[in-house]
C-alpha cells in the first residue's frame, strides 16, 4: 500500500449520528417517525436525497426543515470528538510513509473547520470535497480526483468509509475499502469491502495492511 484516503463525516468525526438525531427531532414534530434506514439514504452523499425521498411521505418545506435541523445540530457541535483510533491511524500512516488523502461529499469550509479544530489538517496532503467535483458520492469522482493528485494507483490505496454511498464510490474507483461504521450505519449490510472494523482502535494500521495484503494475495492465487 502506498496511500490511505479517509472519508470525513461519520468516519473521522461522528457528525452523522448528530445529524440523524437533529432530523429525527424535526420530523417527529411533523408527526413522522424518521428511521435510521431512511436517514441512511443520505449518509455519505447529500441531504437532498433524503428530503426528496420523504416529500411524498410527509408535508414539509425543505428550507424550514434544514434550518431547524441545523439549529439543533449546532447546539451539539462542541460535544463532537475524533472517533476512536483516528489519530493513531493518521500518525501510523505518516510514520509508514503512506500518502494521506481525504475525500468528502461535504464542502471544504465544513471539513477544514473540523480538521483545524482537531489540529489534524497537516496530515493530509490531498483534500477533495464537494467543491472540487461535479458529482459527489456514490459517484467515484471524489476518490478518482484524490488518487490522481496523490499520484498513486487505486489498487495500492486504502479507503476508509462509514457509509454505503462511500463504499460504492471507493469500490467503483478501484480502492481497497475498509468499512468503519458509526452508530447510525452499524446496522447496514455492507458488501464488497476488504475489512470491517467497529473502530480504528480495533486493529493497528500495520496489522490491518498486512491482513488485507494477505487476503488480496489469496484472491490472486
N, C-alpha and C. Protein backbone atom coordinates (compact mmCIF):
# COMPACT_ATOMS: atom_id res chain seq x y z
N UNK A 1 0.83 -1.19 0.00
CA UNK A 1 0.00 0.00 0.00
C UNK A 1 0.87 1.25 0.00
N UNK A 2 0.44 2.22 -0.79
CA UNK A 2 1.19 3.47 -0.89
C UNK A 2 0.43 4.67 -0.34
N UNK A 3 -0.89 4.52 -0.17
CA UNK A 3 -1.69 5.66 0.27
C UNK A 3 -2.94 5.22 1.03
N UNK A 4 -3.46 6.14 1.82
CA UNK A 4 -4.74 5.94 2.50
C UNK A 4 -5.59 7.18 2.25
N UNK A 5 -6.87 6.95 2.00
CA UNK A 5 -7.80 8.06 1.79
C UNK A 5 -8.97 7.89 2.77
N UNK A 6 -9.21 8.92 3.54
CA UNK A 6 -10.26 8.89 4.55
C UNK A 6 -11.49 9.67 4.09
N UNK A 7 -12.66 9.12 4.39
CA UNK A 7 -13.89 9.88 4.35
C UNK A 7 -13.83 10.85 5.54
N UNK A 8 -14.80 11.74 5.65
CA UNK A 8 -14.80 12.63 6.82
C UNK A 8 -16.01 12.42 7.72
N UNK A 9 -17.18 12.91 7.28
CA UNK A 9 -18.36 12.85 8.14
C UNK A 9 -18.73 11.42 8.51
N UNK A 10 -18.83 11.19 9.81
CA UNK A 10 -19.20 9.86 10.29
C UNK A 10 -18.03 8.94 10.49
N UNK A 11 -16.89 9.26 9.88
CA UNK A 11 -15.71 8.40 9.98
C UNK A 11 -14.65 9.01 10.90
N UNK A 12 -14.22 10.22 10.58
CA UNK A 12 -13.23 10.91 11.41
C UNK A 12 -13.91 11.52 12.63
N UNK A 13 -15.05 12.15 12.38
CA UNK A 13 -15.90 12.70 13.45
C UNK A 13 -17.31 12.20 13.19
N UNK A 14 -17.99 11.70 14.22
CA UNK A 14 -19.31 11.12 14.00
C UNK A 14 -20.39 12.20 13.94
N UNK A 15 -20.31 13.00 12.91
CA UNK A 15 -21.34 14.01 12.68
C UNK A 15 -22.66 13.37 12.26
N UNK A 16 -22.61 12.19 11.67
CA UNK A 16 -23.82 11.56 11.13
C UNK A 16 -24.84 11.24 12.22
N UNK A 17 -24.37 10.74 13.35
CA UNK A 17 -25.30 10.40 14.43
C UNK A 17 -26.00 11.65 14.95
N UNK A 18 -25.26 12.75 15.04
CA UNK A 18 -25.85 14.01 15.50
C UNK A 18 -26.86 14.53 14.48
N UNK A 19 -26.51 14.41 13.19
CA UNK A 19 -27.45 14.84 12.15
C UNK A 19 -28.73 14.01 12.18
N UNK A 20 -28.58 12.71 12.41
CA UNK A 20 -29.78 11.86 12.48
C UNK A 20 -30.69 12.32 13.60
N UNK A 21 -30.12 12.55 14.78
CA UNK A 21 -30.94 12.99 15.92
C UNK A 21 -31.62 14.32 15.61
N UNK A 22 -30.91 15.21 14.92
CA UNK A 22 -31.49 16.51 14.58
C UNK A 22 -32.68 16.35 13.62
N UNK A 23 -32.47 15.59 12.54
CA UNK A 23 -33.56 15.38 11.58
C UNK A 23 -34.70 14.59 12.21
N UNK A 24 -34.35 13.64 13.06
CA UNK A 24 -35.39 12.84 13.73
C UNK A 24 -36.29 13.73 14.58
N UNK A 25 -35.70 14.67 15.30
CA UNK A 25 -36.48 15.59 16.12
C UNK A 25 -37.38 16.47 15.26
N UNK A 26 -36.84 16.97 14.17
CA UNK A 26 -37.62 17.85 13.29
C UNK A 26 -38.83 17.11 12.72
N UNK A 27 -38.62 15.91 12.20
CA UNK A 27 -39.72 15.18 11.58
C UNK A 27 -40.69 14.62 12.62
N UNK A 28 -40.22 14.38 13.83
CA UNK A 28 -41.13 13.94 14.90
C UNK A 28 -42.15 15.04 15.19
N UNK A 29 -41.70 16.30 15.11
CA UNK A 29 -42.61 17.43 15.31
C UNK A 29 -43.60 17.54 14.17
N UNK A 30 -43.26 16.92 13.04
CA UNK A 30 -44.16 16.89 11.89
C UNK A 30 -44.98 15.60 11.88
N UNK A 31 -44.93 14.89 13.02
CA UNK A 31 -45.68 13.63 13.20
C UNK A 31 -45.22 12.53 12.24
N UNK A 32 -43.93 12.51 11.99
CA UNK A 32 -43.35 11.45 11.16
C UNK A 32 -42.14 10.87 11.87
N UNK A 33 -42.11 9.54 11.96
CA UNK A 33 -41.02 8.86 12.66
C UNK A 33 -39.92 8.48 11.67
N UNK A 34 -38.95 9.36 11.53
CA UNK A 34 -37.84 9.10 10.62
C UNK A 34 -36.98 7.95 11.15
N UNK A 35 -36.76 6.94 10.32
CA UNK A 35 -35.98 5.79 10.74
C UNK A 35 -34.51 5.94 10.33
N UNK A 36 -33.66 5.18 10.99
CA UNK A 36 -32.25 5.17 10.63
C UNK A 36 -32.07 4.67 9.20
N UNK A 37 -32.90 3.69 8.81
CA UNK A 37 -32.80 3.15 7.45
C UNK A 37 -33.09 4.23 6.41
N UNK A 38 -34.06 5.07 6.69
CA UNK A 38 -34.38 6.16 5.77
C UNK A 38 -33.27 7.20 5.75
N UNK A 39 -32.78 7.55 6.93
CA UNK A 39 -31.71 8.54 7.02
C UNK A 39 -30.45 8.06 6.31
N UNK A 40 -30.24 6.75 6.32
CA UNK A 40 -29.03 6.18 5.70
C UNK A 40 -28.95 6.48 4.21
N UNK A 41 -30.08 6.82 3.59
CA UNK A 41 -30.07 7.15 2.17
C UNK A 41 -29.16 8.32 1.85
N UNK A 42 -29.04 9.25 2.81
CA UNK A 42 -28.26 10.46 2.53
C UNK A 42 -26.87 10.42 3.14
N UNK A 43 -26.55 9.39 3.92
CA UNK A 43 -25.24 9.32 4.55
C UNK A 43 -24.16 9.11 3.49
N UNK A 44 -23.18 9.98 3.50
CA UNK A 44 -22.11 9.90 2.53
C UNK A 44 -22.38 10.65 1.25
N UNK A 45 -23.59 11.20 1.12
CA UNK A 45 -23.92 11.97 -0.08
C UNK A 45 -24.55 13.29 0.34
N UNK A 46 -25.77 13.61 -0.12
CA UNK A 46 -26.39 14.91 0.17
C UNK A 46 -27.71 14.74 0.90
N UNK A 47 -28.05 15.71 1.77
CA UNK A 47 -29.34 15.70 2.46
C UNK A 47 -30.49 15.75 1.47
N UNK A 48 -30.25 16.28 0.28
CA UNK A 48 -31.30 16.37 -0.73
C UNK A 48 -31.88 15.00 -1.08
N UNK A 49 -31.04 13.97 -1.01
CA UNK A 49 -31.50 12.61 -1.32
C UNK A 49 -32.58 12.18 -0.33
N UNK A 50 -32.35 12.46 0.95
CA UNK A 50 -33.31 12.11 1.98
C UNK A 50 -34.59 12.93 1.84
N UNK A 51 -34.46 14.22 1.65
CA UNK A 51 -35.63 15.09 1.58
C UNK A 51 -36.47 14.79 0.33
N UNK A 52 -35.84 14.42 -0.75
CA UNK A 52 -36.57 14.03 -1.95
C UNK A 52 -37.37 12.76 -1.70
N UNK A 53 -36.76 11.82 -0.97
CA UNK A 53 -37.42 10.56 -0.63
C UNK A 53 -38.64 10.80 0.25
N UNK A 54 -38.55 11.76 1.16
CA UNK A 54 -39.60 11.99 2.16
C UNK A 54 -40.73 12.89 1.69
N UNK A 55 -40.55 13.56 0.56
CA UNK A 55 -41.53 14.57 0.17
C UNK A 55 -42.91 13.99 -0.12
N UNK A 56 -42.95 12.69 -0.48
CA UNK A 56 -44.24 12.05 -0.74
C UNK A 56 -44.80 11.34 0.49
N UNK A 57 -44.07 11.44 1.60
CA UNK A 57 -44.50 10.76 2.83
C UNK A 57 -45.01 11.72 3.89
N UNK A 58 -44.52 12.95 3.85
CA UNK A 58 -44.91 13.94 4.86
C UNK A 58 -44.81 15.33 4.25
N UNK A 59 -45.68 16.22 4.69
CA UNK A 59 -45.69 17.59 4.17
C UNK A 59 -44.69 18.46 4.94
N UNK A 60 -43.77 19.08 4.20
CA UNK A 60 -42.79 19.95 4.84
C UNK A 60 -42.19 20.90 3.81
N UNK A 61 -41.56 21.93 4.31
CA UNK A 61 -40.81 22.86 3.48
C UNK A 61 -39.34 22.59 3.68
N UNK A 62 -38.64 22.33 2.59
CA UNK A 62 -37.23 21.96 2.66
C UNK A 62 -36.41 22.97 3.45
N UNK A 63 -36.60 24.23 3.15
CA UNK A 63 -35.82 25.28 3.81
C UNK A 63 -36.06 25.30 5.31
N UNK A 64 -37.32 25.11 5.72
CA UNK A 64 -37.67 25.13 7.14
C UNK A 64 -37.07 23.94 7.88
N UNK A 65 -37.13 22.76 7.24
CA UNK A 65 -36.58 21.55 7.86
C UNK A 65 -35.07 21.69 8.05
N UNK A 66 -34.38 22.14 7.02
CA UNK A 66 -32.93 22.29 7.11
C UNK A 66 -32.55 23.32 8.16
N UNK A 67 -33.26 24.43 8.20
CA UNK A 67 -32.96 25.48 9.17
C UNK A 67 -33.12 24.98 10.60
N UNK A 68 -34.21 24.26 10.86
CA UNK A 68 -34.45 23.75 12.21
C UNK A 68 -33.44 22.66 12.58
N UNK A 69 -33.14 21.77 11.62
CA UNK A 69 -32.16 20.71 11.89
C UNK A 69 -30.79 21.30 12.16
N UNK A 70 -30.40 22.31 11.41
CA UNK A 70 -29.10 22.94 11.60
C UNK A 70 -29.00 23.61 12.97
N UNK A 71 -30.11 24.18 13.43
CA UNK A 71 -30.12 24.82 14.75
C UNK A 71 -29.91 23.79 15.86
N UNK A 72 -30.58 22.65 15.73
CA UNK A 72 -30.43 21.57 16.72
C UNK A 72 -29.00 21.03 16.67
N UNK A 73 -28.51 20.84 15.44
CA UNK A 73 -27.16 20.29 15.24
C UNK A 73 -26.09 21.21 15.82
N UNK A 74 -26.23 22.51 15.57
CA UNK A 74 -25.24 23.47 16.03
C UNK A 74 -25.07 23.43 17.54
N UNK A 75 -26.15 23.17 18.26
CA UNK A 75 -26.08 23.10 19.72
C UNK A 75 -25.22 21.94 20.21
N UNK A 76 -25.01 20.94 19.33
CA UNK A 76 -24.26 19.75 19.72
C UNK A 76 -22.82 19.75 19.20
N UNK A 77 -22.46 20.75 18.40
CA UNK A 77 -21.15 20.76 17.75
C UNK A 77 -19.99 20.65 18.72
N UNK A 78 -20.07 21.36 19.83
CA UNK A 78 -18.95 21.38 20.76
C UNK A 78 -18.73 20.05 21.46
N UNK A 79 -19.71 19.16 21.37
CA UNK A 79 -19.58 17.85 22.02
C UNK A 79 -18.90 16.82 21.13
N UNK A 80 -18.67 17.16 19.86
CA UNK A 80 -18.08 16.20 18.93
C UNK A 80 -16.59 16.02 19.19
N UNK A 81 -16.14 14.78 19.04
CA UNK A 81 -14.73 14.44 19.20
C UNK A 81 -14.29 13.54 18.06
N UNK A 82 -12.98 13.39 17.90
CA UNK A 82 -12.47 12.42 16.93
C UNK A 82 -12.91 11.03 17.34
N UNK A 83 -13.25 10.20 16.37
CA UNK A 83 -13.60 8.82 16.68
C UNK A 83 -12.37 8.06 17.16
N UNK A 84 -12.61 7.01 17.91
CA UNK A 84 -11.52 6.21 18.49
C UNK A 84 -10.58 5.71 17.40
N UNK A 85 -9.29 5.89 17.63
CA UNK A 85 -8.28 5.33 16.75
C UNK A 85 -7.90 6.19 15.56
N UNK A 86 -8.65 7.26 15.28
CA UNK A 86 -8.38 8.09 14.10
C UNK A 86 -6.98 8.71 14.17
N UNK A 87 -6.67 9.31 15.30
CA UNK A 87 -5.37 9.97 15.43
C UNK A 87 -4.23 8.96 15.33
N UNK A 88 -4.42 7.77 15.90
CA UNK A 88 -3.40 6.72 15.81
C UNK A 88 -3.18 6.30 14.35
N UNK A 89 -4.26 6.18 13.59
CA UNK A 89 -4.14 5.79 12.18
C UNK A 89 -3.42 6.86 11.36
N UNK A 90 -3.74 8.10 11.62
CA UNK A 90 -3.07 9.19 10.90
C UNK A 90 -1.58 9.21 11.22
N UNK A 91 -1.27 9.06 12.49
CA UNK A 91 0.13 9.05 12.92
C UNK A 91 0.88 7.86 12.34
N UNK A 92 0.24 6.70 12.36
CA UNK A 92 0.87 5.49 11.84
C UNK A 92 1.09 5.58 10.34
N UNK A 93 0.09 6.11 9.63
CA UNK A 93 0.22 6.26 8.18
C UNK A 93 1.39 7.16 7.83
N UNK A 94 1.54 8.21 8.59
CA UNK A 94 2.66 9.14 8.35
C UNK A 94 4.00 8.47 8.62
N UNK A 95 4.08 7.71 9.72
CA UNK A 95 5.32 7.02 10.06
C UNK A 95 5.67 5.95 9.02
N UNK A 96 4.65 5.34 8.43
CA UNK A 96 4.86 4.31 7.42
C UNK A 96 5.20 4.89 6.05
N UNK A 97 5.15 6.20 5.95
CA UNK A 97 5.46 6.85 4.68
C UNK A 97 4.34 6.79 3.67
N UNK A 98 3.12 6.54 4.13
CA UNK A 98 1.97 6.49 3.24
C UNK A 98 1.48 7.90 2.93
N UNK A 99 1.05 8.12 1.71
CA UNK A 99 0.43 9.39 1.36
C UNK A 99 -0.99 9.39 1.93
N UNK A 100 -1.39 10.52 2.50
CA UNK A 100 -2.69 10.57 3.18
C UNK A 100 -3.61 11.57 2.49
N UNK A 101 -4.79 11.09 2.10
CA UNK A 101 -5.76 11.94 1.45
C UNK A 101 -7.11 11.90 2.14
N UNK A 102 -7.98 12.80 1.74
CA UNK A 102 -9.34 12.85 2.28
C UNK A 102 -10.31 13.10 1.14
N UNK A 103 -11.43 12.40 1.14
CA UNK A 103 -12.46 12.54 0.10
C UNK A 103 -13.82 12.65 0.76
N UNK A 104 -14.41 13.84 0.72
CA UNK A 104 -15.66 14.08 1.43
C UNK A 104 -16.70 14.72 0.53
N UNK A 105 -17.95 14.31 0.69
CA UNK A 105 -19.06 14.89 -0.05
C UNK A 105 -19.50 16.23 0.53
N UNK A 106 -18.96 16.59 1.69
CA UNK A 106 -19.27 17.89 2.29
C UNK A 106 -18.44 18.98 1.63
N UNK A 107 -18.76 20.24 1.93
CA UNK A 107 -17.98 21.32 1.34
C UNK A 107 -16.68 21.55 2.11
N UNK A 108 -15.76 22.25 1.48
CA UNK A 108 -14.41 22.41 2.04
C UNK A 108 -14.39 23.17 3.36
N UNK A 109 -15.16 24.22 3.47
CA UNK A 109 -15.13 25.01 4.70
C UNK A 109 -15.59 24.18 5.90
N UNK A 110 -16.58 23.32 5.68
CA UNK A 110 -17.09 22.44 6.74
C UNK A 110 -16.00 21.48 7.19
N UNK A 111 -15.39 20.80 6.23
CA UNK A 111 -14.37 19.79 6.52
C UNK A 111 -13.15 20.43 7.18
N UNK A 112 -12.63 21.48 6.57
CA UNK A 112 -11.40 22.08 7.08
C UNK A 112 -11.60 22.74 8.44
N UNK A 113 -12.82 23.19 8.71
CA UNK A 113 -13.11 23.75 10.03
C UNK A 113 -12.85 22.74 11.13
N UNK A 114 -13.30 21.51 10.91
CA UNK A 114 -13.08 20.44 11.89
C UNK A 114 -11.62 20.00 11.92
N UNK A 115 -10.99 19.90 10.74
CA UNK A 115 -9.60 19.46 10.70
C UNK A 115 -8.70 20.43 11.47
N UNK A 116 -8.99 21.71 11.36
CA UNK A 116 -8.21 22.71 12.10
C UNK A 116 -8.53 22.67 13.59
N UNK A 117 -9.80 22.48 13.90
CA UNK A 117 -10.21 22.40 15.31
C UNK A 117 -9.50 21.27 16.03
N UNK A 118 -9.38 20.13 15.37
CA UNK A 118 -8.74 18.97 15.99
C UNK A 118 -7.24 18.87 15.66
N UNK A 119 -6.74 19.89 14.97
CA UNK A 119 -5.31 20.01 14.66
C UNK A 119 -4.76 18.79 13.91
N UNK A 120 -5.51 18.36 12.88
CA UNK A 120 -5.08 17.21 12.08
C UNK A 120 -4.98 17.54 10.59
N UNK A 121 -5.22 18.78 10.22
CA UNK A 121 -5.23 19.15 8.80
C UNK A 121 -3.89 18.87 8.13
N UNK A 122 -2.79 19.06 8.84
CA UNK A 122 -1.46 18.91 8.23
C UNK A 122 -1.12 17.46 7.87
N UNK A 123 -1.89 16.51 8.36
CA UNK A 123 -1.64 15.12 7.99
C UNK A 123 -2.00 14.86 6.52
N UNK A 124 -2.93 15.64 5.99
CA UNK A 124 -3.49 15.37 4.67
C UNK A 124 -2.75 16.15 3.59
N UNK A 125 -2.19 15.42 2.63
CA UNK A 125 -1.50 16.08 1.52
C UNK A 125 -2.47 16.41 0.39
N UNK A 126 -3.62 15.72 0.37
CA UNK A 126 -4.66 15.98 -0.63
C UNK A 126 -6.01 15.96 0.08
N UNK A 127 -6.81 17.00 -0.15
CA UNK A 127 -8.16 17.07 0.40
C UNK A 127 -9.12 17.38 -0.73
N UNK A 128 -10.03 16.46 -1.00
CA UNK A 128 -11.03 16.65 -2.04
C UNK A 128 -12.42 16.70 -1.40
N UNK A 129 -13.18 17.74 -1.75
CA UNK A 129 -14.53 17.91 -1.20
C UNK A 129 -15.52 18.16 -2.33
N UNK A 130 -16.77 18.40 -1.94
CA UNK A 130 -17.81 18.68 -2.94
C UNK A 130 -17.46 19.89 -3.80
N UNK A 131 -16.62 20.77 -3.28
CA UNK A 131 -16.23 21.96 -4.03
C UNK A 131 -15.33 21.64 -5.22
N UNK A 132 -14.76 20.44 -5.23
CA UNK A 132 -13.76 20.09 -6.25
C UNK A 132 -14.29 19.22 -7.37
N UNK A 133 -15.53 18.74 -7.26
CA UNK A 133 -16.05 17.79 -8.25
C UNK A 133 -17.44 18.18 -8.71
N UNK A 134 -17.86 17.55 -9.78
CA UNK A 134 -19.22 17.75 -10.28
C UNK A 134 -20.18 16.82 -9.56
N UNK A 135 -19.73 15.58 -9.33
CA UNK A 135 -20.58 14.55 -8.71
C UNK A 135 -19.98 14.06 -7.41
N UNK A 136 -20.80 14.03 -6.36
CA UNK A 136 -20.34 13.51 -5.07
C UNK A 136 -20.71 12.03 -4.94
N UNK A 137 -20.33 11.41 -3.85
CA UNK A 137 -20.61 10.00 -3.62
C UNK A 137 -22.12 9.76 -3.70
N UNK A 138 -22.56 8.62 -4.23
CA UNK A 138 -21.81 7.39 -4.54
C UNK A 138 -21.03 7.40 -5.85
N UNK A 139 -21.03 8.50 -6.56
CA UNK A 139 -20.19 8.61 -7.75
C UNK A 139 -18.71 8.52 -7.33
N UNK A 140 -17.85 7.89 -8.11
CA UNK A 140 -16.44 7.71 -7.72
C UNK A 140 -15.55 8.93 -7.93
N UNK A 141 -16.12 10.04 -8.42
CA UNK A 141 -15.30 11.18 -8.83
C UNK A 141 -14.40 11.70 -7.71
N UNK A 142 -14.89 11.77 -6.49
CA UNK A 142 -14.07 12.26 -5.38
C UNK A 142 -12.83 11.40 -5.16
N UNK A 143 -13.01 10.10 -5.19
CA UNK A 143 -11.88 9.20 -5.00
C UNK A 143 -10.94 9.21 -6.20
N UNK A 144 -11.49 9.32 -7.37
CA UNK A 144 -10.64 9.39 -8.56
C UNK A 144 -9.79 10.65 -8.54
N UNK A 145 -10.38 11.75 -8.10
CA UNK A 145 -9.64 13.01 -8.01
C UNK A 145 -8.56 12.93 -6.94
N UNK A 146 -8.88 12.26 -5.83
CA UNK A 146 -7.91 12.15 -4.73
C UNK A 146 -6.69 11.33 -5.14
N UNK A 147 -6.90 10.16 -5.73
CA UNK A 147 -5.75 9.32 -6.08
C UNK A 147 -4.96 9.91 -7.25
N UNK A 148 -5.65 10.69 -8.09
CA UNK A 148 -4.93 11.36 -9.17
C UNK A 148 -3.92 12.34 -8.60
N UNK A 149 -4.35 13.15 -7.63
CA UNK A 149 -3.45 14.14 -7.03
C UNK A 149 -2.43 13.50 -6.10
N UNK A 150 -2.78 12.35 -5.51
CA UNK A 150 -1.83 11.62 -4.68
C UNK A 150 -0.79 10.90 -5.53
N UNK A 151 -1.12 10.73 -6.82
CA UNK A 151 -0.24 10.05 -7.77
C UNK A 151 0.02 8.61 -7.34
N UNK A 152 -1.08 7.91 -7.05
CA UNK A 152 -1.00 6.50 -6.66
C UNK A 152 -2.03 5.71 -7.46
N UNK A 153 -1.79 4.42 -7.57
CA UNK A 153 -2.74 3.53 -8.24
C UNK A 153 -3.83 3.15 -7.24
N UNK A 154 -5.07 2.99 -7.68
CA UNK A 154 -6.16 2.65 -6.76
C UNK A 154 -5.94 1.34 -6.03
N UNK A 155 -5.33 0.36 -6.72
CA UNK A 155 -5.12 -0.94 -6.07
C UNK A 155 -4.06 -0.89 -4.98
N UNK A 156 -3.32 0.21 -4.91
CA UNK A 156 -2.32 0.39 -3.86
C UNK A 156 -2.77 1.41 -2.82
N UNK A 157 -4.08 1.62 -2.79
CA UNK A 157 -4.65 2.64 -1.89
C UNK A 157 -5.75 2.04 -1.03
N UNK A 158 -5.74 2.39 0.25
CA UNK A 158 -6.79 2.02 1.18
C UNK A 158 -7.77 3.17 1.30
N UNK A 159 -9.06 2.87 1.34
CA UNK A 159 -10.09 3.87 1.60
C UNK A 159 -10.82 3.47 2.88
N UNK A 160 -11.05 4.43 3.74
CA UNK A 160 -11.80 4.19 4.97
C UNK A 160 -13.14 4.89 4.88
N UNK A 161 -14.22 4.11 5.03
CA UNK A 161 -15.57 4.63 4.86
C UNK A 161 -16.50 4.14 5.95
N UNK A 162 -17.56 4.91 6.21
CA UNK A 162 -18.56 4.52 7.20
C UNK A 162 -19.94 4.31 6.57
N UNK A 163 -20.11 4.64 5.29
CA UNK A 163 -21.43 4.58 4.67
C UNK A 163 -21.44 3.72 3.40
N UNK A 164 -22.64 3.31 3.01
CA UNK A 164 -22.78 2.51 1.78
C UNK A 164 -22.51 3.36 0.54
N UNK A 165 -22.92 4.63 0.59
CA UNK A 165 -22.64 5.52 -0.55
C UNK A 165 -21.13 5.70 -0.73
N UNK A 166 -20.43 5.85 0.39
CA UNK A 166 -18.98 6.00 0.33
C UNK A 166 -18.29 4.73 -0.13
N UNK A 167 -18.78 3.60 0.38
CA UNK A 167 -18.23 2.30 -0.02
C UNK A 167 -18.36 2.11 -1.53
N UNK A 168 -19.54 2.41 -2.06
CA UNK A 168 -19.77 2.27 -3.50
C UNK A 168 -18.80 3.15 -4.29
N UNK A 169 -18.65 4.40 -3.86
CA UNK A 169 -17.77 5.34 -4.56
C UNK A 169 -16.33 4.84 -4.59
N UNK A 170 -15.83 4.38 -3.44
CA UNK A 170 -14.44 3.93 -3.36
C UNK A 170 -14.23 2.63 -4.14
N UNK A 171 -15.21 1.72 -4.09
CA UNK A 171 -15.08 0.46 -4.82
C UNK A 171 -15.07 0.67 -6.32
N UNK A 172 -15.97 1.53 -6.80
CA UNK A 172 -16.03 1.81 -8.24
C UNK A 172 -14.72 2.45 -8.71
N UNK A 173 -14.10 3.24 -7.82
CA UNK A 173 -12.82 3.88 -8.16
C UNK A 173 -11.67 2.89 -8.08
N UNK A 174 -11.93 1.68 -7.56
CA UNK A 174 -10.91 0.63 -7.54
C UNK A 174 -10.07 0.54 -6.30
N UNK A 175 -10.44 1.27 -5.23
CA UNK A 175 -9.65 1.24 -4.00
C UNK A 175 -10.00 0.04 -3.13
N UNK A 176 -9.11 -0.28 -2.20
CA UNK A 176 -9.37 -1.32 -1.20
C UNK A 176 -10.09 -0.66 -0.03
N UNK A 177 -11.33 -1.07 0.21
CA UNK A 177 -12.15 -0.34 1.18
C UNK A 177 -12.23 -1.06 2.53
N UNK A 178 -11.99 -0.28 3.58
CA UNK A 178 -12.19 -0.74 4.95
C UNK A 178 -13.40 0.02 5.50
N UNK A 179 -14.38 -0.71 5.95
CA UNK A 179 -15.61 -0.10 6.47
C UNK A 179 -15.50 0.04 7.99
N UNK A 180 -15.76 1.26 8.47
CA UNK A 180 -15.74 1.53 9.91
C UNK A 180 -17.05 2.24 10.24
N UNK A 181 -18.15 1.50 10.41
CA UNK A 181 -19.46 2.12 10.63
C UNK A 181 -19.52 2.92 11.93
N UNK A 182 -20.43 3.88 11.96
CA UNK A 182 -20.70 4.60 13.20
C UNK A 182 -22.02 4.10 13.78
N UNK A 183 -22.53 4.77 14.79
CA UNK A 183 -23.74 4.30 15.47
C UNK A 183 -24.93 4.23 14.52
N UNK A 184 -25.01 5.13 13.57
CA UNK A 184 -26.14 5.17 12.65
C UNK A 184 -26.00 4.12 11.55
N UNK A 185 -24.78 3.89 11.07
CA UNK A 185 -24.60 2.98 9.93
C UNK A 185 -24.24 1.56 10.34
N UNK A 186 -24.10 1.29 11.63
CA UNK A 186 -23.65 -0.03 12.09
C UNK A 186 -24.60 -1.15 11.69
N UNK A 187 -25.88 -0.84 11.51
CA UNK A 187 -26.87 -1.87 11.18
C UNK A 187 -26.92 -2.21 9.71
N UNK A 188 -26.25 -1.40 8.87
CA UNK A 188 -26.34 -1.58 7.42
C UNK A 188 -25.56 -2.81 6.95
N UNK A 189 -26.04 -3.42 5.88
CA UNK A 189 -25.36 -4.58 5.30
C UNK A 189 -24.39 -4.08 4.23
N UNK A 190 -23.10 -4.12 4.53
CA UNK A 190 -22.08 -3.69 3.59
C UNK A 190 -21.58 -4.89 2.80
N UNK A 191 -21.27 -4.68 1.53
CA UNK A 191 -20.77 -5.76 0.68
C UNK A 191 -19.62 -5.27 -0.20
N UNK A 192 -18.63 -6.12 -0.38
CA UNK A 192 -17.54 -5.81 -1.28
C UNK A 192 -16.31 -5.19 -0.64
N UNK A 193 -16.38 -4.89 0.65
CA UNK A 193 -15.25 -4.28 1.34
C UNK A 193 -14.20 -5.32 1.70
N UNK A 194 -12.98 -4.86 1.95
CA UNK A 194 -11.89 -5.77 2.30
C UNK A 194 -11.95 -6.18 3.77
N UNK A 195 -12.41 -5.24 4.63
CA UNK A 195 -12.39 -5.48 6.06
C UNK A 195 -13.41 -4.56 6.72
N UNK A 196 -13.95 -5.01 7.85
CA UNK A 196 -14.88 -4.17 8.62
C UNK A 196 -14.41 -4.10 10.07
N UNK A 197 -14.35 -2.88 10.60
CA UNK A 197 -13.95 -2.66 11.98
C UNK A 197 -15.06 -1.92 12.72
N UNK A 198 -15.13 -2.12 14.03
CA UNK A 198 -16.05 -1.32 14.84
C UNK A 198 -15.50 0.09 15.02
N UNK A 199 -14.19 0.17 15.16
CA UNK A 199 -13.50 1.46 15.22
C UNK A 199 -12.04 1.21 14.85
N UNK A 200 -11.31 2.27 14.60
CA UNK A 200 -9.92 2.13 14.23
C UNK A 200 -9.05 1.71 15.39
N UNK A 201 -9.62 1.69 16.58
CA UNK A 201 -8.88 1.21 17.74
C UNK A 201 -8.89 -0.31 17.82
N UNK A 202 -9.66 -0.97 16.94
CA UNK A 202 -9.75 -2.44 16.95
C UNK A 202 -8.46 -3.11 16.49
N UNK A 203 -7.75 -2.46 15.57
CA UNK A 203 -6.60 -3.08 14.95
C UNK A 203 -5.60 -2.00 14.54
N UNK A 204 -4.33 -2.23 14.80
CA UNK A 204 -3.29 -1.28 14.39
C UNK A 204 -3.25 -1.20 12.87
N UNK A 205 -2.90 -0.05 12.34
CA UNK A 205 -2.88 0.14 10.90
C UNK A 205 -1.91 -0.84 10.23
N UNK A 206 -0.76 -1.07 10.84
CA UNK A 206 0.22 -2.00 10.27
C UNK A 206 -0.38 -3.40 10.14
N UNK A 207 -1.10 -3.83 11.16
CA UNK A 207 -1.74 -5.15 11.13
C UNK A 207 -2.85 -5.19 10.08
N UNK A 208 -3.58 -4.11 9.98
CA UNK A 208 -4.67 -4.04 9.00
C UNK A 208 -4.12 -4.18 7.58
N UNK A 209 -3.05 -3.46 7.29
CA UNK A 209 -2.45 -3.52 5.96
C UNK A 209 -1.95 -4.92 5.66
N UNK A 210 -1.34 -5.56 6.66
CA UNK A 210 -0.85 -6.92 6.47
C UNK A 210 -2.01 -7.89 6.22
N UNK A 211 -3.09 -7.72 6.97
CA UNK A 211 -4.26 -8.58 6.82
C UNK A 211 -4.86 -8.45 5.42
N UNK A 212 -4.98 -7.24 4.93
CA UNK A 212 -5.54 -7.01 3.61
C UNK A 212 -4.60 -7.52 2.52
N UNK A 213 -3.30 -7.35 2.72
CA UNK A 213 -2.33 -7.83 1.73
C UNK A 213 -2.39 -9.34 1.58
N UNK A 214 -2.51 -10.03 2.71
CA UNK A 214 -2.63 -11.50 2.69
C UNK A 214 -3.92 -11.91 2.00
N UNK A 215 -5.02 -11.20 2.30
CA UNK A 215 -6.30 -11.52 1.70
C UNK A 215 -6.26 -11.32 0.19
N UNK A 216 -5.64 -10.24 -0.25
CA UNK A 216 -5.54 -9.97 -1.68
C UNK A 216 -4.70 -11.04 -2.38
N UNK A 217 -3.62 -11.47 -1.72
CA UNK A 217 -2.76 -12.47 -2.31
C UNK A 217 -3.48 -13.79 -2.49
N UNK A 218 -4.30 -14.14 -1.50
CA UNK A 218 -5.09 -15.38 -1.60
C UNK A 218 -6.08 -15.28 -2.75
N UNK A 219 -6.62 -14.09 -2.94
CA UNK A 219 -7.58 -13.89 -4.04
C UNK A 219 -6.90 -14.08 -5.39
N UNK A 220 -5.70 -13.52 -5.51
CA UNK A 220 -4.97 -13.65 -6.76
C UNK A 220 -4.49 -15.08 -6.99
N UNK A 221 -4.15 -15.79 -5.90
CA UNK A 221 -3.71 -17.18 -6.02
C UNK A 221 -4.87 -18.09 -6.47
